[in-house]
């Protein structure tokens, strides 16, 4: 039997931040799933939550939309799906810009305790949304607004702007073995 490592009490004098920026990035599965877990925590505390999805399409009918909306999350799926399925990338880019304008307004309004920007790194990396604008919005947000960002290949400026950054690393993925996304597991 192994002995657990020793633990120490938290250091005295640590401050509480009025809000945080969390970034979930990396090439592994679970970034959005982890973000949704934080949304559940916030809703359980009676917090107001706004979810803005930048890439996902409303056609997907993901499980989290149904349950988290019923718990009070304000939900906005504003993309048109995977870029490789898009018949018009100019339209996809415009949808992403509209999603950002909506998300920025939600953040700046101070109305929400948590704003989740799901898959926002993709339109930033593709040049559809100005990286500097997102970073400035995070820095200038009302002090009571927590922001969660998800997506692969987060820019260094986003990493620097975040208080907490977690990288989800792929070790193995069913999709690589030819297995399609599964309801209840992937969406």
N, C-alpha and C. Protein backbone atom coordinates (compact mmCIF):
# COMPACT_ATOMS: atom_id res chain seq x y z
N UNK A 1 0.84 -1.18 0.00
CA UNK A 1 0.00 0.00 0.00
C UNK A 1 0.89 1.24 0.00
N UNK A 2 0.56 2.17 -0.89
CA UNK A 2 1.33 3.40 -0.97
C UNK A 2 0.80 4.42 0.02
N UNK A 3 1.68 5.26 0.48
CA UNK A 3 1.33 6.33 1.39
C UNK A 3 1.07 7.59 0.58
N UNK A 4 -0.04 8.29 0.83
CA UNK A 4 -0.29 9.52 0.08
C UNK A 4 0.76 10.57 0.42
N UNK A 5 1.01 11.47 -0.52
CA UNK A 5 2.00 12.52 -0.25
C UNK A 5 1.50 13.43 0.87
N UNK A 6 2.44 14.02 1.60
CA UNK A 6 2.02 14.92 2.67
C UNK A 6 1.34 16.16 2.07
N UNK A 7 0.40 16.67 2.80
CA UNK A 7 -0.28 17.89 2.36
C UNK A 7 -0.04 18.97 3.39
N UNK A 8 -0.14 20.18 2.93
CA UNK A 8 0.01 21.31 3.85
C UNK A 8 -1.21 22.20 3.72
N UNK A 9 -1.46 22.95 4.75
CA UNK A 9 -2.58 23.90 4.73
C UNK A 9 -2.28 24.98 3.70
N UNK A 10 -3.34 25.57 3.13
CA UNK A 10 -3.11 26.66 2.17
C UNK A 10 -2.36 27.81 2.83
N UNK A 11 -1.55 28.45 2.05
CA UNK A 11 -0.78 29.58 2.58
C UNK A 11 -1.72 30.71 2.98
N UNK A 12 -1.42 31.30 4.11
CA UNK A 12 -2.17 32.47 4.56
C UNK A 12 -1.78 33.65 3.68
N UNK A 13 -2.67 34.59 3.57
CA UNK A 13 -2.35 35.80 2.83
C UNK A 13 -2.67 35.72 1.34
N UNK A 14 -3.14 34.57 0.86
CA UNK A 14 -3.55 34.47 -0.54
C UNK A 14 -4.78 35.34 -0.72
N UNK A 15 -4.86 36.01 -1.85
CA UNK A 15 -6.00 36.88 -2.09
C UNK A 15 -7.03 36.17 -2.96
N UNK A 16 -8.25 36.63 -2.87
CA UNK A 16 -9.30 36.14 -3.75
C UNK A 16 -9.44 37.14 -4.89
N UNK A 17 -9.48 36.62 -6.10
CA UNK A 17 -9.69 37.48 -7.26
C UNK A 17 -11.19 37.64 -7.48
N UNK A 18 -11.63 38.81 -7.88
CA UNK A 18 -13.06 39.00 -8.11
C UNK A 18 -13.57 38.17 -9.30
N UNK A 19 -12.68 37.86 -10.23
CA UNK A 19 -13.04 37.01 -11.36
C UNK A 19 -11.77 36.45 -11.98
N UNK A 20 -11.95 35.44 -12.83
CA UNK A 20 -10.81 34.78 -13.47
C UNK A 20 -11.06 34.57 -14.95
N UNK A 21 -9.97 34.41 -15.68
CA UNK A 21 -10.02 33.98 -17.08
C UNK A 21 -9.40 32.59 -17.12
N UNK A 22 -10.18 31.62 -17.59
CA UNK A 22 -9.72 30.24 -17.71
C UNK A 22 -9.59 29.91 -19.19
N UNK A 23 -8.52 29.23 -19.55
CA UNK A 23 -8.27 28.82 -20.93
C UNK A 23 -8.02 27.32 -20.97
N UNK A 24 -8.81 26.62 -21.77
CA UNK A 24 -8.67 25.18 -21.96
C UNK A 24 -8.26 24.96 -23.40
N UNK A 25 -7.04 24.47 -23.60
CA UNK A 25 -6.51 24.33 -24.95
C UNK A 25 -5.83 22.98 -25.09
N UNK A 26 -5.30 22.70 -26.27
CA UNK A 26 -4.61 21.45 -26.52
C UNK A 26 -5.33 20.62 -27.57
N UNK A 27 -4.70 19.52 -27.98
CA UNK A 27 -5.24 18.71 -29.07
C UNK A 27 -6.08 17.53 -28.59
N UNK A 28 -6.31 17.43 -27.29
CA UNK A 28 -7.08 16.31 -26.76
C UNK A 28 -8.56 16.60 -26.63
N UNK A 29 -9.34 15.55 -26.47
CA UNK A 29 -10.78 15.66 -26.26
C UNK A 29 -11.04 16.05 -24.81
N UNK A 30 -11.98 16.95 -24.61
CA UNK A 30 -12.38 17.28 -23.25
C UNK A 30 -12.35 18.74 -22.88
N UNK A 31 -11.95 19.61 -23.79
CA UNK A 31 -11.89 21.04 -23.47
C UNK A 31 -13.28 21.61 -23.20
N UNK A 32 -14.19 21.38 -24.13
CA UNK A 32 -15.56 21.86 -23.94
C UNK A 32 -16.21 21.13 -22.77
N UNK A 33 -15.96 19.84 -22.65
CA UNK A 33 -16.53 19.07 -21.55
C UNK A 33 -16.11 19.66 -20.20
N UNK A 34 -14.84 20.00 -20.06
CA UNK A 34 -14.37 20.60 -18.81
C UNK A 34 -15.01 21.97 -18.58
N UNK A 35 -15.14 22.75 -19.64
CA UNK A 35 -15.76 24.06 -19.52
C UNK A 35 -17.22 23.93 -19.07
N UNK A 36 -17.91 22.93 -19.61
CA UNK A 36 -19.31 22.71 -19.22
C UNK A 36 -19.41 22.31 -17.76
N UNK A 37 -18.43 21.60 -17.26
CA UNK A 37 -18.41 21.26 -15.84
C UNK A 37 -18.31 22.51 -14.98
N UNK A 38 -17.52 23.47 -15.40
CA UNK A 38 -17.42 24.74 -14.67
C UNK A 38 -18.73 25.51 -14.76
N UNK A 39 -19.38 25.45 -15.92
CA UNK A 39 -20.69 26.09 -16.08
C UNK A 39 -21.69 25.48 -15.10
N UNK A 40 -21.67 24.17 -14.94
CA UNK A 40 -22.56 23.51 -13.98
C UNK A 40 -22.29 24.04 -12.57
N UNK A 41 -21.04 24.16 -12.21
CA UNK A 41 -20.69 24.70 -10.88
C UNK A 41 -21.25 26.10 -10.70
N UNK A 42 -21.08 26.94 -11.72
CA UNK A 42 -21.55 28.32 -11.63
C UNK A 42 -23.08 28.37 -11.50
N UNK A 43 -23.78 27.59 -12.30
CA UNK A 43 -25.24 27.55 -12.23
C UNK A 43 -25.70 27.06 -10.87
N UNK A 44 -25.00 26.09 -10.30
CA UNK A 44 -25.35 25.56 -8.99
C UNK A 44 -25.21 26.62 -7.90
N UNK A 45 -24.38 27.62 -8.14
CA UNK A 45 -24.19 28.73 -7.19
C UNK A 45 -25.16 29.87 -7.45
N UNK A 46 -26.04 29.70 -8.44
CA UNK A 46 -27.00 30.75 -8.75
C UNK A 46 -26.44 31.85 -9.64
N UNK A 47 -25.31 31.59 -10.26
CA UNK A 47 -24.68 32.58 -11.12
C UNK A 47 -25.36 32.63 -12.49
N UNK A 48 -25.28 33.79 -13.11
CA UNK A 48 -25.79 33.95 -14.47
C UNK A 48 -24.67 33.56 -15.44
N UNK A 49 -25.04 32.71 -16.41
CA UNK A 49 -24.07 32.16 -17.35
C UNK A 49 -24.52 32.39 -18.78
N UNK A 50 -23.58 32.76 -19.62
CA UNK A 50 -23.81 32.91 -21.05
C UNK A 50 -22.80 32.02 -21.79
N UNK A 51 -23.30 31.16 -22.66
CA UNK A 51 -22.45 30.29 -23.47
C UNK A 51 -22.54 30.75 -24.91
N UNK A 52 -21.38 31.03 -25.52
CA UNK A 52 -21.33 31.40 -26.93
C UNK A 52 -20.46 30.37 -27.62
N UNK A 53 -21.06 29.65 -28.57
CA UNK A 53 -20.32 28.64 -29.33
C UNK A 53 -20.00 29.21 -30.71
N UNK A 54 -18.69 29.23 -31.02
CA UNK A 54 -18.21 29.89 -32.23
C UNK A 54 -18.21 29.00 -33.46
N UNK A 55 -18.04 27.72 -33.32
CA UNK A 55 -17.93 26.84 -34.48
C UNK A 55 -19.12 25.90 -34.57
N UNK A 56 -19.55 25.36 -33.45
CA UNK A 56 -20.62 24.37 -33.47
C UNK A 56 -21.89 24.94 -34.11
N UNK A 57 -22.63 24.05 -34.74
CA UNK A 57 -23.87 24.41 -35.40
C UNK A 57 -25.05 24.01 -34.53
N UNK A 58 -26.14 24.76 -34.63
CA UNK A 58 -27.36 24.42 -33.90
C UNK A 58 -27.98 23.12 -34.37
N UNK A 59 -27.53 22.60 -35.49
CA UNK A 59 -28.07 21.34 -36.02
C UNK A 59 -27.62 20.14 -35.20
N UNK A 60 -26.60 20.29 -34.38
CA UNK A 60 -26.02 19.16 -33.66
C UNK A 60 -26.86 18.69 -32.49
N UNK A 61 -27.66 19.56 -31.89
CA UNK A 61 -28.50 19.21 -30.75
C UNK A 61 -27.69 18.51 -29.65
N UNK A 62 -26.64 19.15 -29.21
CA UNK A 62 -25.78 18.54 -28.19
C UNK A 62 -26.51 18.47 -26.85
N UNK A 63 -26.18 17.45 -26.09
CA UNK A 63 -26.83 17.21 -24.81
C UNK A 63 -26.68 18.36 -23.83
N UNK A 64 -25.53 19.00 -23.83
CA UNK A 64 -25.31 20.07 -22.85
C UNK A 64 -26.23 21.26 -23.09
N UNK A 65 -26.62 21.51 -24.34
CA UNK A 65 -27.53 22.63 -24.61
C UNK A 65 -28.85 22.42 -23.86
N UNK A 66 -29.39 21.24 -23.99
CA UNK A 66 -30.69 20.94 -23.39
C UNK A 66 -30.64 21.08 -21.87
N UNK A 67 -29.71 20.41 -21.24
CA UNK A 67 -29.70 20.39 -19.78
C UNK A 67 -29.25 21.74 -19.19
N UNK A 68 -28.23 22.37 -19.75
CA UNK A 68 -27.75 23.61 -19.16
C UNK A 68 -28.70 24.78 -19.42
N UNK A 69 -29.38 24.76 -20.55
CA UNK A 69 -30.41 25.78 -20.79
C UNK A 69 -31.54 25.62 -19.79
N UNK A 70 -31.90 24.38 -19.50
CA UNK A 70 -32.98 24.16 -18.54
C UNK A 70 -32.58 24.61 -17.13
N UNK A 71 -31.28 24.68 -16.88
CA UNK A 71 -30.78 25.14 -15.58
C UNK A 71 -30.57 26.66 -15.54
N UNK A 72 -30.79 27.31 -16.69
CA UNK A 72 -30.72 28.76 -16.71
C UNK A 72 -29.61 29.38 -17.53
N UNK A 73 -28.74 28.58 -18.13
CA UNK A 73 -27.68 29.15 -18.97
C UNK A 73 -28.28 29.78 -20.21
N UNK A 74 -27.81 30.94 -20.56
CA UNK A 74 -28.21 31.59 -21.81
C UNK A 74 -27.32 31.04 -22.91
N UNK A 75 -27.90 30.41 -23.91
CA UNK A 75 -27.16 29.62 -24.89
C UNK A 75 -27.22 30.23 -26.27
N UNK A 76 -26.06 30.35 -26.92
CA UNK A 76 -25.99 30.95 -28.25
C UNK A 76 -25.02 30.14 -29.11
N UNK A 77 -25.56 29.25 -29.92
CA UNK A 77 -24.76 28.47 -30.87
C UNK A 77 -24.76 29.26 -32.17
N UNK A 78 -23.61 29.82 -32.53
CA UNK A 78 -23.59 30.83 -33.59
C UNK A 78 -22.75 30.46 -34.80
N UNK A 79 -22.19 29.25 -34.83
CA UNK A 79 -21.39 28.83 -35.98
C UNK A 79 -22.21 28.03 -36.97
N UNK A 80 -21.54 27.55 -38.00
CA UNK A 80 -22.22 26.71 -38.99
C UNK A 80 -21.57 25.35 -39.14
N UNK A 81 -20.80 24.94 -38.13
CA UNK A 81 -20.22 23.61 -38.14
C UNK A 81 -18.76 23.59 -38.54
N UNK A 82 -18.26 22.40 -38.77
CA UNK A 82 -16.86 22.22 -39.14
C UNK A 82 -16.54 22.97 -40.43
N UNK A 83 -15.39 23.60 -40.49
CA UNK A 83 -15.02 24.36 -41.68
C UNK A 83 -14.94 23.47 -42.91
N UNK A 84 -14.54 22.22 -42.74
CA UNK A 84 -14.43 21.34 -43.91
C UNK A 84 -15.80 20.97 -44.47
N UNK A 85 -16.87 21.22 -43.71
CA UNK A 85 -18.23 20.98 -44.19
C UNK A 85 -18.87 22.26 -44.73
N UNK A 86 -18.23 23.39 -44.54
CA UNK A 86 -18.84 24.66 -44.90
C UNK A 86 -18.81 24.89 -46.42
N UNK A 87 -19.97 25.20 -46.99
CA UNK A 87 -20.00 25.52 -48.42
C UNK A 87 -19.53 26.96 -48.70
N UNK A 88 -19.40 27.78 -47.64
CA UNK A 88 -19.07 29.19 -47.82
C UNK A 88 -18.26 29.68 -46.61
N UNK A 89 -16.95 29.64 -46.73
CA UNK A 89 -16.10 30.05 -45.60
C UNK A 89 -16.21 31.54 -45.30
N UNK A 90 -16.54 32.35 -46.30
CA UNK A 90 -16.75 33.78 -46.03
C UNK A 90 -17.94 33.95 -45.08
N UNK A 91 -18.99 33.16 -45.29
CA UNK A 91 -20.14 33.20 -44.39
C UNK A 91 -19.75 32.68 -43.00
N UNK A 92 -18.94 31.63 -42.96
CA UNK A 92 -18.48 31.10 -41.67
C UNK A 92 -17.71 32.17 -40.90
N UNK A 93 -16.85 32.91 -41.62
CA UNK A 93 -16.08 33.98 -40.99
C UNK A 93 -16.99 35.08 -40.47
N UNK A 94 -18.01 35.43 -41.24
CA UNK A 94 -18.95 36.46 -40.81
C UNK A 94 -19.74 36.01 -39.58
N UNK A 95 -20.12 34.74 -39.56
CA UNK A 95 -20.80 34.21 -38.37
C UNK A 95 -19.91 34.30 -37.14
N UNK A 96 -18.62 34.00 -37.31
CA UNK A 96 -17.68 34.09 -36.19
C UNK A 96 -17.53 35.52 -35.71
N UNK A 97 -17.47 36.48 -36.64
CA UNK A 97 -17.36 37.89 -36.25
C UNK A 97 -18.62 38.33 -35.50
N UNK A 98 -19.78 37.88 -35.97
CA UNK A 98 -21.04 38.22 -35.28
C UNK A 98 -21.06 37.60 -33.89
N UNK A 99 -20.58 36.36 -33.80
CA UNK A 99 -20.51 35.70 -32.48
C UNK A 99 -19.61 36.47 -31.54
N UNK A 100 -18.47 36.97 -32.06
CA UNK A 100 -17.57 37.74 -31.21
C UNK A 100 -18.21 39.04 -30.75
N UNK A 101 -18.90 39.74 -31.66
CA UNK A 101 -19.56 40.99 -31.26
C UNK A 101 -20.57 40.72 -30.14
N UNK A 102 -21.32 39.62 -30.29
CA UNK A 102 -22.29 39.23 -29.27
C UNK A 102 -21.57 38.90 -27.96
N UNK A 103 -20.52 38.10 -28.05
CA UNK A 103 -19.77 37.68 -26.85
C UNK A 103 -19.14 38.88 -26.15
N UNK A 104 -18.55 39.78 -26.93
CA UNK A 104 -17.94 40.97 -26.33
C UNK A 104 -19.00 41.78 -25.58
N UNK A 105 -20.17 41.95 -26.18
CA UNK A 105 -21.24 42.69 -25.52
C UNK A 105 -21.67 41.98 -24.23
N UNK A 106 -21.74 40.65 -24.26
CA UNK A 106 -22.12 39.89 -23.06
C UNK A 106 -21.09 40.08 -21.95
N UNK A 107 -19.81 40.05 -22.31
CA UNK A 107 -18.74 40.24 -21.33
C UNK A 107 -18.80 41.65 -20.77
N UNK A 108 -18.84 42.64 -21.65
CA UNK A 108 -18.79 44.04 -21.22
C UNK A 108 -20.02 44.49 -20.45
N UNK A 109 -21.15 43.80 -20.67
CA UNK A 109 -22.39 44.20 -20.00
C UNK A 109 -22.31 44.04 -18.48
N UNK A 110 -21.48 43.11 -18.02
CA UNK A 110 -21.41 42.83 -16.59
C UNK A 110 -22.62 42.06 -16.09
N UNK A 111 -23.51 41.67 -16.99
CA UNK A 111 -24.73 40.96 -16.63
C UNK A 111 -24.47 39.52 -16.19
N UNK A 112 -23.38 38.94 -16.70
CA UNK A 112 -23.11 37.53 -16.45
C UNK A 112 -21.94 37.35 -15.49
N UNK A 113 -22.02 36.31 -14.69
CA UNK A 113 -20.89 35.94 -13.83
C UNK A 113 -19.89 35.09 -14.59
N UNK A 114 -20.38 34.33 -15.58
CA UNK A 114 -19.51 33.50 -16.42
C UNK A 114 -19.93 33.64 -17.88
N UNK A 115 -18.95 33.88 -18.73
CA UNK A 115 -19.18 33.84 -20.18
C UNK A 115 -18.21 32.82 -20.74
N UNK A 116 -18.77 31.80 -21.39
CA UNK A 116 -17.97 30.75 -22.01
C UNK A 116 -17.86 31.03 -23.50
N UNK A 117 -16.63 31.14 -24.00
CA UNK A 117 -16.35 31.32 -25.42
C UNK A 117 -15.85 29.99 -25.96
N UNK A 118 -16.79 29.15 -26.36
CA UNK A 118 -16.46 27.78 -26.77
C UNK A 118 -15.89 27.77 -28.18
N UNK A 119 -14.71 27.21 -28.32
CA UNK A 119 -13.98 27.08 -29.59
C UNK A 119 -13.62 28.42 -30.21
N UNK A 120 -13.36 29.40 -29.39
CA UNK A 120 -13.02 30.74 -29.87
C UNK A 120 -11.60 30.80 -30.46
N UNK A 121 -10.73 29.87 -30.08
CA UNK A 121 -9.35 29.95 -30.61
C UNK A 121 -9.30 29.73 -32.12
N UNK A 122 -10.23 28.95 -32.65
CA UNK A 122 -10.19 28.66 -34.09
C UNK A 122 -10.39 29.92 -34.92
N UNK A 123 -11.50 30.67 -34.75
CA UNK A 123 -11.64 31.88 -35.56
C UNK A 123 -10.57 32.93 -35.28
N UNK A 124 -10.00 32.92 -34.08
CA UNK A 124 -8.87 33.82 -33.83
C UNK A 124 -7.68 33.39 -34.69
N UNK A 125 -7.36 32.10 -34.65
CA UNK A 125 -6.21 31.60 -35.41
C UNK A 125 -6.38 31.74 -36.91
N UNK A 126 -7.62 31.71 -37.40
CA UNK A 126 -7.88 31.85 -38.84
C UNK A 126 -7.95 33.31 -39.25
N UNK A 127 -7.81 34.24 -38.31
CA UNK A 127 -7.84 35.66 -38.64
C UNK A 127 -9.24 36.22 -38.81
N UNK A 128 -10.25 35.48 -38.39
CA UNK A 128 -11.63 35.94 -38.52
C UNK A 128 -12.01 36.89 -37.40
N UNK A 129 -11.34 36.74 -36.26
CA UNK A 129 -11.54 37.61 -35.09
C UNK A 129 -10.17 38.16 -34.72
N UNK A 130 -10.11 39.43 -34.39
CA UNK A 130 -8.84 40.06 -34.02
C UNK A 130 -8.39 39.59 -32.64
N UNK A 131 -7.25 38.95 -32.61
CA UNK A 131 -6.67 38.44 -31.35
C UNK A 131 -6.51 39.57 -30.32
N UNK A 132 -5.99 40.71 -30.76
CA UNK A 132 -5.77 41.84 -29.85
C UNK A 132 -7.08 42.34 -29.25
N UNK A 133 -8.16 42.28 -30.02
CA UNK A 133 -9.46 42.71 -29.53
C UNK A 133 -9.95 41.80 -28.42
N UNK A 134 -9.75 40.49 -28.58
CA UNK A 134 -10.16 39.53 -27.55
C UNK A 134 -9.35 39.76 -26.27
N UNK A 135 -8.05 39.91 -26.43
CA UNK A 135 -7.17 40.12 -25.26
C UNK A 135 -7.56 41.42 -24.54
N UNK A 136 -7.81 42.49 -25.30
CA UNK A 136 -8.21 43.76 -24.68
C UNK A 136 -9.55 43.62 -23.95
N UNK A 137 -10.47 42.88 -24.52
CA UNK A 137 -11.77 42.66 -23.88
C UNK A 137 -11.59 41.91 -22.56
N UNK A 138 -10.74 40.89 -22.57
CA UNK A 138 -10.48 40.14 -21.33
C UNK A 138 -9.88 41.05 -20.26
N UNK A 139 -8.93 41.87 -20.67
CA UNK A 139 -8.26 42.76 -19.71
C UNK A 139 -9.21 43.83 -19.17
N UNK A 140 -10.15 44.28 -19.99
CA UNK A 140 -11.03 45.36 -19.59
C UNK A 140 -12.40 44.93 -19.10
N UNK A 141 -12.60 43.63 -18.92
CA UNK A 141 -13.91 43.13 -18.52
C UNK A 141 -14.28 43.65 -17.14
N UNK A 142 -15.58 43.75 -16.87
CA UNK A 142 -15.99 44.10 -15.50
C UNK A 142 -15.42 43.09 -14.51
N UNK A 143 -15.10 43.55 -13.33
CA UNK A 143 -14.37 42.69 -12.40
C UNK A 143 -15.16 41.49 -11.89
N UNK A 144 -16.46 41.45 -12.12
CA UNK A 144 -17.27 40.32 -11.66
C UNK A 144 -17.50 39.27 -12.75
N UNK A 145 -16.93 39.46 -13.92
CA UNK A 145 -17.18 38.56 -15.05
C UNK A 145 -16.01 37.60 -15.24
N UNK A 146 -16.28 36.32 -15.02
CA UNK A 146 -15.32 35.26 -15.30
C UNK A 146 -15.49 34.86 -16.77
N UNK A 147 -14.40 34.55 -17.45
CA UNK A 147 -14.47 34.15 -18.85
C UNK A 147 -13.73 32.84 -19.01
N UNK A 148 -14.36 31.91 -19.74
CA UNK A 148 -13.74 30.63 -20.08
C UNK A 148 -13.59 30.59 -21.59
N UNK A 149 -12.39 30.27 -22.06
CA UNK A 149 -12.13 30.13 -23.49
C UNK A 149 -11.70 28.70 -23.76
N UNK A 150 -12.17 28.14 -24.88
CA UNK A 150 -11.74 26.80 -25.26
C UNK A 150 -11.27 26.79 -26.71
N UNK A 151 -10.49 25.78 -27.04
CA UNK A 151 -10.06 25.55 -28.42
C UNK A 151 -8.59 25.19 -28.50
N UNK A 152 -8.23 24.56 -29.60
CA UNK A 152 -6.84 24.15 -29.82
C UNK A 152 -5.95 25.34 -30.13
N UNK A 153 -4.67 25.12 -29.96
CA UNK A 153 -3.62 26.05 -30.41
C UNK A 153 -3.86 27.48 -29.95
N UNK A 154 -4.10 27.67 -28.68
CA UNK A 154 -4.31 29.02 -28.15
C UNK A 154 -3.08 29.88 -28.37
N UNK A 155 -3.31 31.10 -28.80
CA UNK A 155 -2.22 32.06 -29.03
C UNK A 155 -1.53 32.39 -27.72
N UNK A 156 -0.26 32.72 -27.81
CA UNK A 156 0.52 33.08 -26.62
C UNK A 156 -0.12 34.26 -25.88
N UNK A 157 -0.71 35.19 -26.60
CA UNK A 157 -1.33 36.34 -25.94
C UNK A 157 -2.54 35.92 -25.10
N UNK A 158 -3.28 34.90 -25.55
CA UNK A 158 -4.40 34.39 -24.76
C UNK A 158 -3.89 33.67 -23.51
N UNK A 159 -2.82 32.91 -23.70
CA UNK A 159 -2.22 32.22 -22.56
C UNK A 159 -1.75 33.23 -21.53
N UNK A 160 -1.13 34.31 -21.98
CA UNK A 160 -0.66 35.35 -21.06
C UNK A 160 -1.82 36.06 -20.37
N UNK A 161 -2.93 36.22 -21.06
CA UNK A 161 -4.08 36.95 -20.50
C UNK A 161 -4.87 36.12 -19.50
N UNK A 162 -4.73 34.80 -19.57
CA UNK A 162 -5.51 33.92 -18.70
C UNK A 162 -4.87 33.77 -17.33
N UNK A 163 -5.72 33.56 -16.33
CA UNK A 163 -5.24 33.29 -14.98
C UNK A 163 -4.90 31.82 -14.81
N UNK A 164 -5.68 30.97 -15.45
CA UNK A 164 -5.49 29.52 -15.38
C UNK A 164 -5.52 28.97 -16.80
N UNK A 165 -4.52 28.18 -17.15
CA UNK A 165 -4.45 27.56 -18.47
C UNK A 165 -4.25 26.06 -18.27
N UNK A 166 -5.12 25.28 -18.90
CA UNK A 166 -4.98 23.83 -18.87
C UNK A 166 -4.85 23.34 -20.30
N UNK A 167 -3.90 22.45 -20.49
CA UNK A 167 -3.71 21.87 -21.82
C UNK A 167 -4.19 20.42 -21.79
N UNK A 168 -5.12 20.11 -22.67
CA UNK A 168 -5.66 18.77 -22.80
C UNK A 168 -4.88 18.09 -23.93
N UNK A 169 -4.14 17.06 -23.58
CA UNK A 169 -3.26 16.39 -24.54
C UNK A 169 -3.89 15.09 -25.01
N UNK A 170 -3.89 14.90 -26.31
CA UNK A 170 -4.42 13.65 -26.86
C UNK A 170 -3.38 12.54 -26.72
N UNK A 171 -3.78 11.46 -26.11
CA UNK A 171 -2.97 10.26 -26.05
C UNK A 171 -3.49 9.28 -27.10
N UNK A 172 -4.82 9.21 -27.20
CA UNK A 172 -5.48 8.32 -28.15
C UNK A 172 -6.90 8.86 -28.33
N UNK A 173 -7.46 8.73 -29.53
CA UNK A 173 -8.82 9.21 -29.78
C UNK A 173 -9.53 8.22 -30.69
N UNK A 174 -10.77 7.90 -30.35
CA UNK A 174 -11.56 6.94 -31.12
C UNK A 174 -11.70 7.38 -32.58
N UNK A 175 -11.80 8.67 -32.83
CA UNK A 175 -11.95 9.18 -34.19
C UNK A 175 -10.80 8.73 -35.09
N UNK A 176 -9.60 8.68 -34.51
CA UNK A 176 -8.42 8.25 -35.28
C UNK A 176 -8.52 6.80 -35.73
N UNK A 177 -9.35 6.01 -35.04
CA UNK A 177 -9.56 4.61 -35.41
C UNK A 177 -10.81 4.46 -36.29
N UNK A 178 -11.34 5.60 -36.77
CA UNK A 178 -12.48 5.56 -37.67
C UNK A 178 -13.83 5.52 -36.98
N UNK A 179 -13.87 5.83 -35.68
CA UNK A 179 -15.11 5.80 -34.92
C UNK A 179 -15.70 7.22 -34.88
N UNK A 180 -16.93 7.35 -35.28
CA UNK A 180 -17.61 8.66 -35.33
C UNK A 180 -17.93 9.15 -33.92
N UNK A 181 -18.17 10.46 -33.81
CA UNK A 181 -18.59 11.06 -32.54
C UNK A 181 -19.88 10.40 -32.07
N UNK A 182 -19.98 10.19 -30.76
CA UNK A 182 -21.12 9.49 -30.18
C UNK A 182 -21.99 10.41 -29.35
N UNK A 183 -23.32 10.30 -29.54
CA UNK A 183 -24.26 11.06 -28.70
C UNK A 183 -24.04 10.66 -27.25
N UNK A 184 -24.11 11.65 -26.38
CA UNK A 184 -23.95 11.39 -24.95
C UNK A 184 -22.51 11.35 -24.48
N UNK A 185 -21.59 11.15 -25.41
CA UNK A 185 -20.17 11.15 -25.09
C UNK A 185 -19.48 12.37 -25.69
N UNK A 186 -19.71 12.61 -26.96
CA UNK A 186 -19.04 13.71 -27.66
C UNK A 186 -19.94 14.92 -27.87
N UNK A 187 -21.25 14.72 -27.85
CA UNK A 187 -22.16 15.84 -28.04
C UNK A 187 -23.52 15.52 -27.42
